Protein backbone atom coordinates (compact mmCIF):
# COMPACT_ATOMS: atom_id res chain seq x y z
CA MET A 1 14.47 88.82 55.23
CA GLN A 2 11.51 91.16 55.74
CA LEU A 3 13.85 93.90 56.92
CA LEU A 4 15.97 93.52 53.77
CA TRP A 5 12.88 93.89 51.55
CA PHE A 6 11.83 96.97 53.52
CA VAL A 7 15.28 98.60 53.19
CA LEU A 8 15.51 97.86 49.45
CA ALA A 9 11.99 99.15 48.79
CA ALA A 10 12.71 102.29 50.80
CA TYR A 11 15.99 102.91 48.98
CA GLY A 12 14.39 102.40 45.57
CA LEU A 13 11.51 104.74 46.24
CA THR A 14 13.83 107.34 47.79
CA GLN A 15 16.09 107.19 44.72
CA ILE A 16 13.13 107.78 42.42
CA LEU A 17 11.80 110.71 44.46
CA VAL A 18 15.17 112.42 44.98
CA TYR A 19 16.86 111.81 41.63
CA GLY A 20 14.10 110.96 39.14
CA LYS A 21 13.56 113.52 36.37
CA ILE A 22 9.80 113.26 36.71
CA PHE A 23 10.06 114.93 40.15
CA ASN A 24 12.32 117.84 39.07
CA PHE A 25 9.40 120.26 39.44
CA LEU A 26 9.20 119.41 43.15
CA ARG A 27 12.91 119.98 43.73
CA ARG A 28 12.71 123.42 42.05
CA GLN A 29 10.15 124.67 44.57
CA ARG A 30 11.29 126.91 47.38
CA GLY A 31 10.83 126.02 51.00
CA PHE A 32 10.00 122.74 52.67
CA ILE A 33 8.92 120.73 49.61
CA GLY A 34 11.97 121.68 47.55
CA GLU A 35 14.34 120.84 50.37
CA LEU A 36 12.54 117.60 51.20
CA PHE A 37 12.75 116.20 47.67
CA ALA A 38 16.42 117.18 47.32
CA CYS A 39 17.59 115.29 50.41
CA PRO A 40 17.79 111.48 50.48
CA MET A 41 17.90 111.48 54.29
CA CYS A 42 14.75 113.61 54.67
CA THR A 43 12.84 111.90 51.89
CA GLY A 44 14.00 108.53 53.19
CA PHE A 45 12.33 109.14 56.54
CA TRP A 46 8.96 109.90 54.96
CA VAL A 47 9.31 107.00 52.55
CA GLY A 48 9.87 104.71 55.54
CA ALA A 49 6.80 106.13 57.25
CA LEU A 50 4.76 105.62 54.07
CA LEU A 51 5.96 102.03 53.64
CA PHE A 52 5.15 101.35 57.29
CA CYS A 53 1.60 102.58 56.70
CA LEU A 54 1.32 100.35 53.61
CA ASN A 55 2.84 97.26 55.24
CA GLY A 56 -0.57 95.64 55.78
CA LEU A 57 -1.08 95.62 52.00
CA THR A 58 2.04 93.59 51.17
CA GLU A 59 3.50 90.23 52.10
CA LEU A 60 7.10 91.40 51.68
CA PHE A 61 7.29 92.89 55.17
CA SER A 62 4.97 93.10 58.12
CA PHE A 63 5.25 95.27 61.22
CA ASP A 64 2.80 95.84 64.06
CA TYR A 65 1.02 99.16 63.73
CA ASN A 66 2.25 101.37 66.57
CA LEU A 67 4.01 104.71 66.94
CA ALA A 68 7.36 103.18 67.93
CA ASN A 69 7.50 101.03 64.79
CA LEU A 70 6.52 104.01 62.65
CA LEU A 71 9.44 106.05 63.99
CA ILE A 72 11.87 103.14 63.78
CA CYS A 73 10.88 102.36 60.17
CA GLY A 74 11.25 106.04 59.26
CA CYS A 75 14.68 106.26 60.85
CA LEU A 76 15.83 102.95 59.37
CA SER A 77 14.72 104.04 55.92
CA SER A 78 16.34 107.45 56.31
CA GLY A 79 19.68 106.05 57.43
CA THR A 80 19.95 103.23 54.93
CA SER A 81 18.74 105.38 52.03
CA TYR A 82 21.32 108.02 52.87
CA ILE A 83 24.11 105.45 53.16
CA PHE A 84 23.18 103.78 49.86
CA CYS A 85 22.84 107.15 48.08
CA THR A 86 26.28 108.08 49.39
CA LEU A 87 27.87 104.78 48.34
CA PHE A 88 26.23 104.23 44.95
CA GLY A 89 25.77 106.56 41.98
CA ASP A 90 24.82 106.29 38.33
CA ASP A 91 28.28 104.97 37.52
CA GLY A 92 28.33 102.36 40.29
CA LEU A 93 30.29 102.48 43.53
CA LYS A 94 31.46 105.97 44.51
CA LEU A 95 35.09 105.81 45.53
CA GLU A 96 36.74 109.04 46.57
CA ARG A 97 40.46 108.85 47.10
CA LYS A 98 42.37 111.44 49.04
CA THR A 99 45.91 112.39 48.26
CA LYS A 100 48.51 112.86 50.97
CA ASN A 101 48.07 116.65 50.72
CA GLU A 102 44.38 116.43 51.65
CA TYR A 103 44.97 114.83 55.07
């Protein structure tokens, strides 16, 4: 259950950072910061690392503090955030259908 809370928290925070209007000024910047805040996979990694660092302050999830867990939480957050951002949009589930000509 702790892993589910971690994934949902990571996805929610990633969504806010990548798509929230309040962070548009960050996405307009050139270079690393602009690219980071435009990519759910990249932002997701750093959100996972941040949540890992904050895990001692919450009862929702708890991980031992070590480098391996930091990297695993970052990768887990990155992957799941990217998958969820790919599957879900503002209008719900994103379903793309291909016609026979597109195969």
